[in-house]
C-alpha atoms as a PDB file:
ATOM      1  CA  UNK A   1       2.210 -13.459  40.839  1.00  0.00           C
ATOM      2  CA  UNK A   2       5.320 -14.960  39.238  1.00  0.00           C
ATOM      3  CA  UNK A   3       3.484 -15.221  35.921  1.00  0.00           C
ATOM      4  CA  UNK A   4       2.503 -11.533  36.082  1.00  0.00           C
ATOM      5  CA  UNK A   5       6.082 -10.463  36.831  1.00  0.00           C
ATOM      6  CA  UNK A   6       7.379 -12.615  33.982  1.00  0.00           C
ATOM      7  CA  UNK A   7       4.844 -11.152  31.573  1.00  0.00           C
ATOM      8  CA  UNK A   8       5.776  -7.583  32.528  1.00  0.00           C
ATOM      9  CA  UNK A   9       9.480  -8.419  32.168  1.00  0.00           C
ATOM     10  CA  UNK A  10       8.927  -9.915  28.713  1.00  0.00           C
ATOM     11  CA  UNK A  11       6.982  -6.856  27.602  1.00  0.00           C
ATOM     12  CA  UNK A  12       9.725  -4.589  28.951  1.00  0.00           C
ATOM     13  CA  UNK A  13      12.428  -6.519  27.086  1.00  0.00           C
ATOM     14  CA  UNK A  14      10.388  -6.477  23.887  1.00  0.00           C
ATOM     15  CA  UNK A  15       9.923  -2.718  24.166  1.00  0.00           C
ATOM     16  CA  UNK A  16      13.640  -2.218  24.830  1.00  0.00           C
ATOM     17  CA  UNK A  17      14.844  -4.264  21.879  1.00  0.00           C
ATOM     18  CA  UNK A  18      12.153  -2.683  19.694  1.00  0.00           C
ATOM     19  CA  UNK A  19      13.380   0.824  20.555  1.00  0.00           C
ATOM     20  CA  UNK A  20      16.901  -0.297  19.641  1.00  0.00           C
ATOM     21  CA  UNK A  21      15.711  -1.660  16.313  1.00  0.00           C
ATOM     22  CA  UNK A  22      16.531  -5.240  17.330  1.00  0.00           C
ATOM     23  CA  UNK A  23      13.047  -6.787  17.550  1.00  0.00           C
ATOM     24  CA  UNK A  24      13.062 -10.301  16.075  1.00  0.00           C
ATOM     25  CA  UNK A  25       9.616 -11.507  17.093  1.00  0.00           C
ATOM     26  CA  UNK A  26       6.905 -12.911  14.854  1.00  0.00           C
ATOM     27  CA  UNK A  27       5.790 -11.014  11.762  1.00  0.00           C
ATOM     28  CA  UNK A  28       2.718 -11.370   9.618  1.00  0.00           C
ATOM     29  CA  UNK A  29       2.054 -10.274   6.044  1.00  0.00           C
ATOM     30  CA  UNK A  30      -1.321  -9.580   4.466  1.00  0.00           C
ATOM     31  CA  UNK A  31      -1.218  -9.336   0.690  1.00  0.00           C
ATOM     32  CA  UNK A  32      -3.236  -7.648  -2.044  1.00  0.00           C
ATOM     33  CA  UNK A  33      -5.507  -5.611   0.179  1.00  0.00           C
ATOM     34  CA  UNK A  34      -7.649  -3.214  -1.893  1.00  0.00           C
ATOM     35  CA  UNK A  35      -7.464   0.361  -0.644  1.00  0.00           C
ATOM     36  CA  UNK A  36      -9.262   2.421  -3.286  1.00  0.00           C
ATOM     37  CA  UNK A  37     -13.005   2.071  -3.854  1.00  0.00           C
ATOM     38  CA  UNK A  38     -15.101   3.149  -6.832  1.00  0.00           C
ATOM     39  CA  UNK A  39     -12.163   4.378  -8.934  1.00  0.00           C
ATOM     40  CA  UNK A  40     -12.700   2.189 -12.003  1.00  0.00           C
ATOM     41  CA  UNK A  41     -11.396  -1.094 -13.406  1.00  0.00           C
ATOM     42  CA  UNK A  42      -7.752  -0.051 -13.652  1.00  0.00           C
ATOM     43  CA  UNK A  43      -7.797   1.109 -10.042  1.00  0.00           C
ATOM     44  CA  UNK A  44      -9.259  -2.229  -8.952  1.00  0.00           C
ATOM     45  CA  UNK A  45      -6.372  -3.925 -10.745  1.00  0.00           C
ATOM     46  CA  UNK A  46      -3.586  -1.693  -9.424  1.00  0.00           C
ATOM     47  CA  UNK A  47      -4.735  -0.211  -6.132  1.00  0.00           C
ATOM     48  CA  UNK A  48      -3.740  -2.918  -3.693  1.00  0.00           C
ATOM     49  CA  UNK A  49      -1.202  -3.021  -0.894  1.00  0.00           C
ATOM     50  CA  UNK A  50       0.726  -5.525   1.200  1.00  0.00           C
ATOM     51  CA  UNK A  51       1.059  -5.033   4.954  1.00  0.00           C
ATOM     52  CA  UNK A  52       3.984  -6.621   6.791  1.00  0.00           C
ATOM     53  CA  UNK A  53       3.929  -6.058  10.536  1.00  0.00           C
ATOM     54  CA  UNK A  54       5.053  -7.419  13.924  1.00  0.00           C
ATOM     55  CA  UNK A  55       2.163  -9.505  15.171  1.00  0.00           C
ATOM     56  CA  UNK A  56       3.091  -9.362  18.879  1.00  0.00           C
ATOM     57  CA  UNK A  57       3.883  -5.679  19.367  1.00  0.00           C
ATOM     58  CA  UNK A  58       1.511  -2.946  20.487  1.00  0.00           C
ATOM     59  CA  UNK A  59       1.551   0.543  18.925  1.00  0.00           C
ATOM     60  CA  UNK A  60       4.283  -0.274  16.438  1.00  0.00           C
ATOM     61  CA  UNK A  61       5.225   2.405  13.878  1.00  0.00           C
ATOM     62  CA  UNK A  62       4.349   1.884  10.220  1.00  0.00           C
ATOM     63  CA  UNK A  63       6.180   2.981   7.068  1.00  0.00           C
ATOM     64  CA  UNK A  64       4.019   3.470   3.977  1.00  0.00           C
ATOM     65  CA  UNK A  65       6.410   2.654   1.117  1.00  0.00           C
ATOM     66  CA  UNK A  66       5.933   3.750  -2.517  1.00  0.00           C
ATOM     67  CA  UNK A  67       7.967   1.953  -5.180  1.00  0.00           C
ATOM     68  CA  UNK A  68       9.932   3.673  -7.929  1.00  0.00           C
ATOM     69  CA  UNK A  69       9.741   3.276 -11.692  1.00  0.00           C
ATOM     70  CA  UNK A  70       9.299   6.747 -13.131  1.00  0.00           C
ATOM     71  CA  UNK A  71       5.518   6.647 -12.537  1.00  0.00           C
ATOM     72  CA  UNK A  72       5.274   4.321 -15.560  1.00  0.00           C
ATOM     73  CA  UNK A  73       6.443   0.970 -14.165  1.00  0.00           C
ATOM     74  CA  UNK A  74       7.145  -0.964 -10.968  1.00  0.00           C
ATOM     75  CA  UNK A  75       5.209  -2.922  -8.381  1.00  0.00           C
ATOM     76  CA  UNK A  76       4.636  -2.851  -4.646  1.00  0.00           C
ATOM     77  CA  UNK A  77       7.502  -4.033  -2.488  1.00  0.00           C
ATOM     78  CA  UNK A  78       8.489  -4.491   1.138  1.00  0.00           C
ATOM     79  CA  UNK A  79      12.145  -3.345   1.334  1.00  0.00           C
ATOM     80  CA  UNK A  80      14.105  -6.197   2.889  1.00  0.00           C
ATOM     81  CA  UNK A  81      16.436  -3.798   4.701  1.00  0.00           C
ATOM     82  CA  UNK A  82      13.477  -2.389   6.672  1.00  0.00           C
ATOM     83  CA  UNK A  83      12.171  -5.798   7.749  1.00  0.00           C
ATOM     84  CA  UNK A  84      12.724  -7.363  11.191  1.00  0.00           C
ATOM     85  CA  UNK A  85      13.109  -3.917  12.757  1.00  0.00           C
ATOM     86  CA  UNK A  86       9.892  -3.630  14.748  1.00  0.00           C
ATOM     87  CA  UNK A  87       8.269  -1.723  11.891  1.00  0.00           C
ATOM     88  CA  UNK A  88       5.068  -2.286  10.043  1.00  0.00           C
ATOM     89  CA  UNK A  89       5.670  -1.760   6.314  1.00  0.00           C
ATOM     90  CA  UNK A  90       2.968  -1.109   3.750  1.00  0.00           C
ATOM     91  CA  UNK A  91       4.024  -1.712   0.144  1.00  0.00           C
ATOM     92  CA  UNK A  92       1.716   0.163  -2.226  1.00  0.00           C
ATOM     93  CA  UNK A  93       0.757  -0.375  -5.845  1.00  0.00           C
ATOM     94  CA  UNK A  94      -0.634   2.673  -7.625  1.00  0.00           C
ATOM     95  CA  UNK A  95      -1.944   3.482 -11.073  1.00  0.00           C
ATOM     96  CA  UNK A  96       0.741   4.151 -13.672  1.00  0.00           C
ATOM     97  CA  UNK A  97       1.101   6.651 -16.485  1.00  0.00           C
ATOM     98  CA  UNK A  98      -0.053   6.773 -19.267  1.00  0.00           C
ATOM     99  CA  UNK A  99      -2.989   4.599 -18.167  1.00  0.00           C
ATOM    100  CA  UNK A 100      -3.792   7.175 -15.489  1.00  0.00           C
ATOM    101  CA  UNK A 101      -3.368  10.901 -15.072  1.00  0.00           C
ATOM    102  CA  UNK A 102      -0.780  12.219 -12.646  1.00  0.00           C
ATOM    103  CA  UNK A 103      -3.653  13.474 -10.495  1.00  0.00           C
ATOM    104  CA  UNK A 104      -5.092   9.953 -10.267  1.00  0.00           C
ATOM    105  CA  UNK A 105      -1.691   8.540  -9.330  1.00  0.00           C
ATOM    106  CA  UNK A 106      -1.190  11.087  -6.536  1.00  0.00           C
ATOM    107  CA  UNK A 107      -4.732  10.399  -5.377  1.00  0.00           C
ATOM    108  CA  UNK A 108      -3.855   6.705  -5.105  1.00  0.00           C
ATOM    109  CA  UNK A 109      -0.897   7.558  -2.889  1.00  0.00           C
ATOM    110  CA  UNK A 110      -3.135   9.636  -0.641  1.00  0.00           C
ATOM    111  CA  UNK A 111      -5.765   6.894  -0.491  1.00  0.00           C
ATOM    112  CA  UNK A 112      -3.111   4.370   0.591  1.00  0.00           C
ATOM    113  CA  UNK A 113      -1.843   6.646   3.369  1.00  0.00           C
ATOM    114  CA  UNK A 114      -5.434   7.247   4.492  1.00  0.00           C
ATOM    115  CA  UNK A 115      -5.943   3.461   4.600  1.00  0.00           C
ATOM    116  CA  UNK A 116      -2.978   3.246   6.976  1.00  0.00           C
ATOM    117  CA  UNK A 117      -4.488   5.841   9.310  1.00  0.00           C
ATOM    118  CA  UNK A 118      -7.777   3.924   9.345  1.00  0.00           C
ATOM    119  CA  UNK A 119      -6.525   0.368   9.580  1.00  0.00           C
ATOM    120  CA  UNK A 120      -3.201  -0.013  11.405  1.00  0.00           C
ATOM    121  CA  UNK A 121      -4.745   0.148  14.885  1.00  0.00           C
ATOM    122  CA  UNK A 122      -6.809  -2.972  14.199  1.00  0.00           C
ATOM    123  CA  UNK A 123      -3.533  -4.850  13.650  1.00  0.00           C
ATOM    124  CA  UNK A 124      -1.729  -3.427  16.668  1.00  0.00           C
ATOM    125  CA  UNK A 125      -0.097  -0.392  15.057  1.00  0.00           C
ATOM    126  CA  UNK A 126      -0.354   3.227  16.107  1.00  0.00           C
ATOM    127  CA  UNK A 127      -1.994   5.793  13.792  1.00  0.00           C
ATOM    128  CA  UNK A 128       0.186   8.388  15.532  1.00  0.00           C
ATOM    129  CA  UNK A 129       3.327   6.647  14.240  1.00  0.00           C
ATOM    130  CA  UNK A 130       2.787   6.562  10.492  1.00  0.00           C
ATOM    131  CA  UNK A 131       5.771   7.455   8.314  1.00  0.00           C
ATOM    132  CA  UNK A 132       5.746   7.921   4.534  1.00  0.00           C
ATOM    133  CA  UNK A 133       8.656   6.998   2.292  1.00  0.00           C
ATOM    134  CA  UNK A 134       9.523   5.925  -1.228  1.00  0.00           C
ATOM    135  CA  UNK A 135      12.280   5.804  -3.817  1.00  0.00           C
ATOM    136  CA  UNK A 136      12.438   7.932  -6.987  1.00  0.00           C
ATOM    137  CA  UNK A 137       8.824   8.151  -8.232  1.00  0.00           C
ATOM    138  CA  UNK A 138       7.855   6.878  -4.789  1.00  0.00           C
ATOM    139  CA  UNK A 139       9.804   9.732  -3.207  1.00  0.00           C
ATOM    140  CA  UNK A 140       7.958  12.151  -5.469  1.00  0.00           C
ATOM    141  CA  UNK A 141       4.612  10.740  -4.276  1.00  0.00           C
ATOM    142  CA  UNK A 142       5.834  10.986  -0.678  1.00  0.00           C
ATOM    143  CA  UNK A 143       6.551  14.687  -1.109  1.00  0.00           C
ATOM    144  CA  UNK A 144       3.242  15.409  -2.815  1.00  0.00           C
ATOM    145  CA  UNK A 145       1.132  13.698  -0.152  1.00  0.00           C
ATOM    146  CA  UNK A 146       3.012  15.430   2.672  1.00  0.00           C
ATOM    147  CA  UNK A 147       3.234  18.938   1.194  1.00  0.00           C
ATOM    148  CA  UNK A 148      -0.064  19.381  -0.663  1.00  0.00           C
ATOM    149  CA  UNK A 149      -2.570  18.812   2.116  1.00  0.00           C
ATOM    150  CA  UNK A 150      -5.550  18.745  -0.252  1.00  0.00           C
ATOM    151  CA  UNK A 151      -4.873  15.146  -1.289  1.00  0.00           C
ATOM    152  CA  UNK A 152      -5.288  13.676   2.187  1.00  0.00           C
ATOM    153  CA  UNK A 153      -8.014  16.140   3.149  1.00  0.00           C
ATOM    154  CA  UNK A 154     -10.196  14.386   0.566  1.00  0.00           C
ATOM    155  CA  UNK A 155     -10.015  11.305   2.810  1.00  0.00           C
ATOM    156  CA  UNK A 156     -10.515  13.132   6.080  1.00  0.00           C
ATOM    157  CA  UNK A 157      -6.852  12.986   7.114  1.00  0.00           C
ATOM    158  CA  UNK A 158      -4.673  15.942   8.075  1.00  0.00           C
ATOM    159  CA  UNK A 159      -1.277  15.481   6.396  1.00  0.00           C
ATOM    160  CA  UNK A 160       0.307  17.081   9.449  1.00  0.00           C
ATOM    161  CA  UNK A 161      -0.479  13.886  11.389  1.00  0.00           C
ATOM    162  CA  UNK A 162       2.254  12.059   9.444  1.00  0.00           C
ATOM    163  CA  UNK A 163       5.083  11.318  11.869  1.00  0.00           C
ATOM    164  CA  UNK A 164       7.943  11.722   9.397  1.00  0.00           C
ATOM    165  CA  UNK A 165       8.716  11.756   5.673  1.00  0.00           C
ATOM    166  CA  UNK A 166      11.602  10.119   3.816  1.00  0.00           C
ATOM    167  CA  UNK A 167      11.755  10.888   0.088  1.00  0.00           C
ATOM    168  CA  UNK A 168      14.584   8.898  -1.516  1.00  0.00           C
ATOM    169  CA  UNK A 169      16.020  10.563  -4.636  1.00  0.00           C
ATOM    170  CA  UNK A 170      12.724  12.267  -5.430  1.00  0.00           C
ATOM    171  CA  UNK A 171      11.872  14.457  -8.389  1.00  0.00           C
ATOM    172  CA  UNK A 172      10.786  17.777  -6.866  1.00  0.00           C
ATOM    173  CA  UNK A 173      10.142  19.744 -10.020  1.00  0.00           C
ATOM    174  CA  UNK A 174       7.345  18.566 -12.324  1.00  0.00           C
ATOM    175  CA  UNK A 175       8.064  14.898 -12.943  1.00  0.00           C
ATOM    176  CA  UNK A 176       9.870  14.231 -16.228  1.00  0.00           C
ATOM    177  CA  UNK A 177       7.244  11.687 -17.315  1.00  0.00           C
ATOM    178  CA  UNK A 178       4.595  14.359 -16.791  1.00  0.00           C
ATOM    179  CA  UNK A 179       6.646  16.975 -18.646  1.00  0.00           C
ATOM    180  CA  UNK A 180       6.863  14.589 -21.607  1.00  0.00           C
ATOM    181  CA  UNK A 181       3.122  15.143 -22.152  1.00  0.00           C
ATOM    182  CA  UNK A 182       3.995  18.750 -23.010  1.00  0.00           C
ATOM    183  CA  UNK A 183       6.906  17.808 -25.285  1.00  0.00           C
ATOM    184  CA  UNK A 184       9.307  18.935 -22.564  1.00  0.00           C
ATOM    185  CA  UNK A 185      12.382  16.725 -22.289  1.00  0.00           C
ATOM    186  CA  UNK A 186      13.913  15.382 -19.073  1.00  0.00           C
ATOM    187  CA  UNK A 187      16.600  18.085 -19.098  1.00  0.00           C
ATOM    188  CA  UNK A 188      14.150  21.002 -19.382  1.00  0.00           C
ATOM    189  CA  UNK A 189      12.780  21.930 -15.944  1.00  0.00           C
ATOM    190  CA  UNK A 190       9.226  22.976 -15.222  1.00  0.00           C
ATOM    191  CA  UNK A 191       7.361  23.656 -11.982  1.00  0.00           C
ATOM    192  CA  UNK A 192       3.570  23.453 -11.890  1.00  0.00           C
ATOM    193  CA  UNK A 193       0.999  22.381  -9.313  1.00  0.00           C
ATOM    194  CA  UNK A 194       2.080  18.734  -9.664  1.00  0.00           C
ATOM    195  CA  UNK A 195       5.614  19.596  -8.470  1.00  0.00           C
ATOM    196  CA  UNK A 196       6.580  19.213  -4.803  1.00  0.00           C
ATOM    197  CA  UNK A 197       8.511  22.505  -5.038  1.00  0.00           C
ATOM    198  CA  UNK A 198       5.240  24.268  -5.867  1.00  0.00           C
ATOM    199  CA  UNK A 199       3.901  23.248  -2.441  1.00  0.00           C
ATOM    200  CA  UNK A 200       6.879  23.927  -0.169  1.00  0.00           C
ATOM    201  CA  UNK A 201       5.568  24.916   3.269  1.00  0.00           C
ATOM    202  CA  UNK A 202       6.316  24.692   6.962  1.00  0.00           C
ATOM    203  CA  UNK A 203       5.589  21.171   8.173  1.00  0.00           C
ATOM    204  CA  UNK A 204       5.458  19.831  11.749  1.00  0.00           C
ATOM    205  CA  UNK A 205       7.096  16.464  11.061  1.00  0.00           C
ATOM    206  CA  UNK A 206      10.811  15.811  10.433  1.00  0.00           C
ATOM    207  CA  UNK A 207      11.905  14.999   6.893  1.00  0.00           C
ATOM    208  CA  UNK A 208      15.018  13.414   5.424  1.00  0.00           C
ATOM    209  CA  UNK A 209      15.834  14.503   1.863  1.00  0.00           C
ATOM    210  CA  UNK A 210      17.932  11.586   0.608  1.00  0.00           C
ATOM    211  CA  UNK A 211      20.096  11.588  -2.525  1.00  0.00           C
ATOM    212  CA  UNK A 212      22.736   9.550  -4.269  1.00  0.00           C
ATOM    213  CA  UNK A 213      26.117  10.954  -5.230  1.00  0.00           C
ATOM    214  CA  UNK A 214      25.670  14.236  -7.126  1.00  0.00           C
ATOM    215  CA  UNK A 215      27.984  12.999  -9.897  1.00  0.00           C
ATOM    216  CA  UNK A 216      26.088   9.716 -10.282  1.00  0.00           C
ATOM    217  CA  UNK A 217      22.475  10.741  -9.718  1.00  0.00           C
ATOM    218  CA  UNK A 218      19.788  10.919 -12.385  1.00  0.00           C
ATOM    219  CA  UNK A 219      19.272  14.202 -14.308  1.00  0.00           C
ATOM    220  CA  UNK A 220      20.779  16.498 -11.672  1.00  0.00           C
ATOM    221  CA  UNK A 221      18.580  14.994  -8.987  1.00  0.00           C
ATOM    222  CA  UNK A 222      20.952  15.937  -6.158  1.00  0.00           C
ATOM    223  CA  UNK A 223      20.882  19.622  -7.147  1.00  0.00           C
ATOM    224  CA  UNK A 224      17.077  19.525  -7.294  1.00  0.00           C
ATOM    225  CA  UNK A 225      16.929  18.122  -3.803  1.00  0.00           C
ATOM    226  CA  UNK A 226      19.529  20.519  -2.448  1.00  0.00           C
ATOM    227  CA  UNK A 227      17.419  23.450  -3.664  1.00  0.00           C
ATOM    228  CA  UNK A 228      14.291  21.812  -2.263  1.00  0.00           C
ATOM    229  CA  UNK A 229      16.026  21.339   1.104  1.00  0.00           C
ATOM    230  CA  UNK A 230      17.114  24.990   1.117  1.00  0.00           C
ATOM    231  CA  UNK A 231      13.571  26.214   0.360  1.00  0.00           C
ATOM    232  CA  UNK A 232      12.196  24.001   3.114  1.00  0.00           C
ATOM    233  CA  UNK A 233      14.746  25.442   5.526  1.00  0.00           C
ATOM    234  CA  UNK A 234      13.878  29.010   4.503  1.00  0.00           C
ATOM    235  CA  UNK A 235      10.219  28.198   5.195  1.00  0.00           C
ATOM    236  CA  UNK A 236      11.099  27.557   8.834  1.00  0.00           C
ATOM    237  CA  UNK A 237      11.679  23.796   8.814  1.00  0.00           C
ATOM    238  CA  UNK A 238      14.466  23.136  11.296  1.00  0.00           C
ATOM    239  CA  UNK A 239      14.049  19.355  11.207  1.00  0.00           C
ATOM    240  CA  UNK A 240      14.582  18.829   7.476  1.00  0.00           C
ATOM    241  CA  UNK A 241      17.933  17.230   6.669  1.00  0.00           C
ATOM    242  CA  UNK A 242      19.760  16.620   3.384  1.00  0.00           C
ATOM    243  CA  UNK A 243      21.836  13.454   2.948  1.00  0.00           C
ATOM    244  CA  UNK A 244      24.086  12.692  -0.017  1.00  0.00           C
ATOM    245  CA  UNK A 245      25.428   9.131  -0.231  1.00  0.00           C
ATOM    246  CA  UNK A 246      28.842   9.321  -1.876  1.00  0.00           C
ATOM    247  CA  UNK A 247      29.577   6.582  -4.368  1.00  0.00           C
ATOM    248  CA  UNK A 248      25.932   5.524  -4.786  1.00  0.00           C
ATOM    249  CA  UNK A 249      23.953   6.176  -7.950  1.00  0.00           C
ATOM    250  CA  UNK A 250      20.209   6.616  -8.341  1.00  0.00           C
ATOM    251  CA  UNK A 251      19.411   2.918  -8.234  1.00  0.00           C
ATOM    252  CA  UNK A 252      21.781   1.874  -5.449  1.00  0.00           C
ATOM    253  CA  UNK A 253      21.293   4.740  -2.985  1.00  0.00           C
ATOM    254  CA  UNK A 254      18.386   3.094  -1.081  1.00  0.00           C
ATOM    255  CA  UNK A 255      20.816   0.603   0.509  1.00  0.00           C
ATOM    256  CA  UNK A 256      22.609   3.144   2.747  1.00  0.00           C
ATOM    257  CA  UNK A 257      19.485   5.305   3.024  1.00  0.00           C
ATOM    258  CA  UNK A 258      17.468   2.519   4.680  1.00  0.00           C
ATOM    259  CA  UNK A 259      19.947   2.341   7.558  1.00  0.00           C
ATOM    260  CA  UNK A 260      19.721   6.099   8.119  1.00  0.00           C
ATOM    261  CA  UNK A 261      15.915   6.014   8.020  1.00  0.00           C
ATOM    262  CA  UNK A 262      15.704   3.218  10.597  1.00  0.00           C
ATOM    263  CA  UNK A 263      18.035   5.102  12.931  1.00  0.00           C
ATOM    264  CA  UNK A 264      16.002   8.281  12.434  1.00  0.00           C
ATOM    265  CA  UNK A 265      12.701   6.551  13.197  1.00  0.00           C
ATOM    266  CA  UNK A 266      14.135   5.087  16.389  1.00  0.00           C
ATOM    267  CA  UNK A 267      15.250   8.573  17.416  1.00  0.00           C
ATOM    268  CA  UNK A 268      11.808  10.032  16.771  1.00  0.00           C
ATOM    269  CA  UNK A 269      10.206   7.291  18.882  1.00  0.00           C
ATOM    270  CA  UNK A 270      12.555   8.197  21.729  1.00  0.00           C
ATOM    271  CA  UNK A 271      11.528  11.838  21.396  1.00  0.00           C
ATOM    272  CA  UNK A 272      14.833  12.857  19.851  1.00  0.00           C
ATOM    273  CA  UNK A 273      15.830  14.054  16.403  1.00  0.00           C
ATOM    274  CA  UNK A 274      19.148  12.305  15.702  1.00  0.00           C
ATOM    275  CA  UNK A 275      22.082  14.493  14.806  1.00  0.00           C
ATOM    276  CA  UNK A 276      23.785  13.863  11.499  1.00  0.00           C
END
């Protein structure tokens, strides 16, 4: 009897500290898991992910994280600022331009998110608590997977099941390294079907549109995101919020953004959308 009471008390305390973002239990990391099948040699080389997760928690939330690098560089990462917070974190590698097409790269992002929906439960996570996030090019991929439902539909997943989206300093017009294929420079805007703005729609999940300081950001990125946020609002999205981090440029803005994202996730898990 005493053992049962103690077990229940321990579980209660773990759940309480977890909800407060204070969980410091054991974590496990699985590395270089392939997530994309039958997509060619380059996909076999690039399409792997790392999964860091709390090994003693049940139904933990998971953040699928896409790295930046302009779609032409970078490697999977587990952001240190998101660790030890009761979160599972999936760091994703994806195929890079010009060795892939932009369609193949977006498809990789969708395949990685679909892997999360299939596999997190086997490790103790909840498929109903999957969040998608990324910085710069990773924020772009976040937006595309969330807004254009066709990418996840290919893998039998409804994008509307995603619990929340956090694009950090994302390109929302056609990406500048895609525009370069058409001899369009980074300061000449274009919007086609590979642009998140092309797919603006009403979404059921909350979204944080996160930007560095408008005077320090890359290529007018804040103004892009402000317009994107306004179009999302006009499409009926009440739970889409725009954050500008004063004093932080494109590369440094993830530091304050991570803290906001963790607080926001905790609010969602409590059934509340935090106020700004």
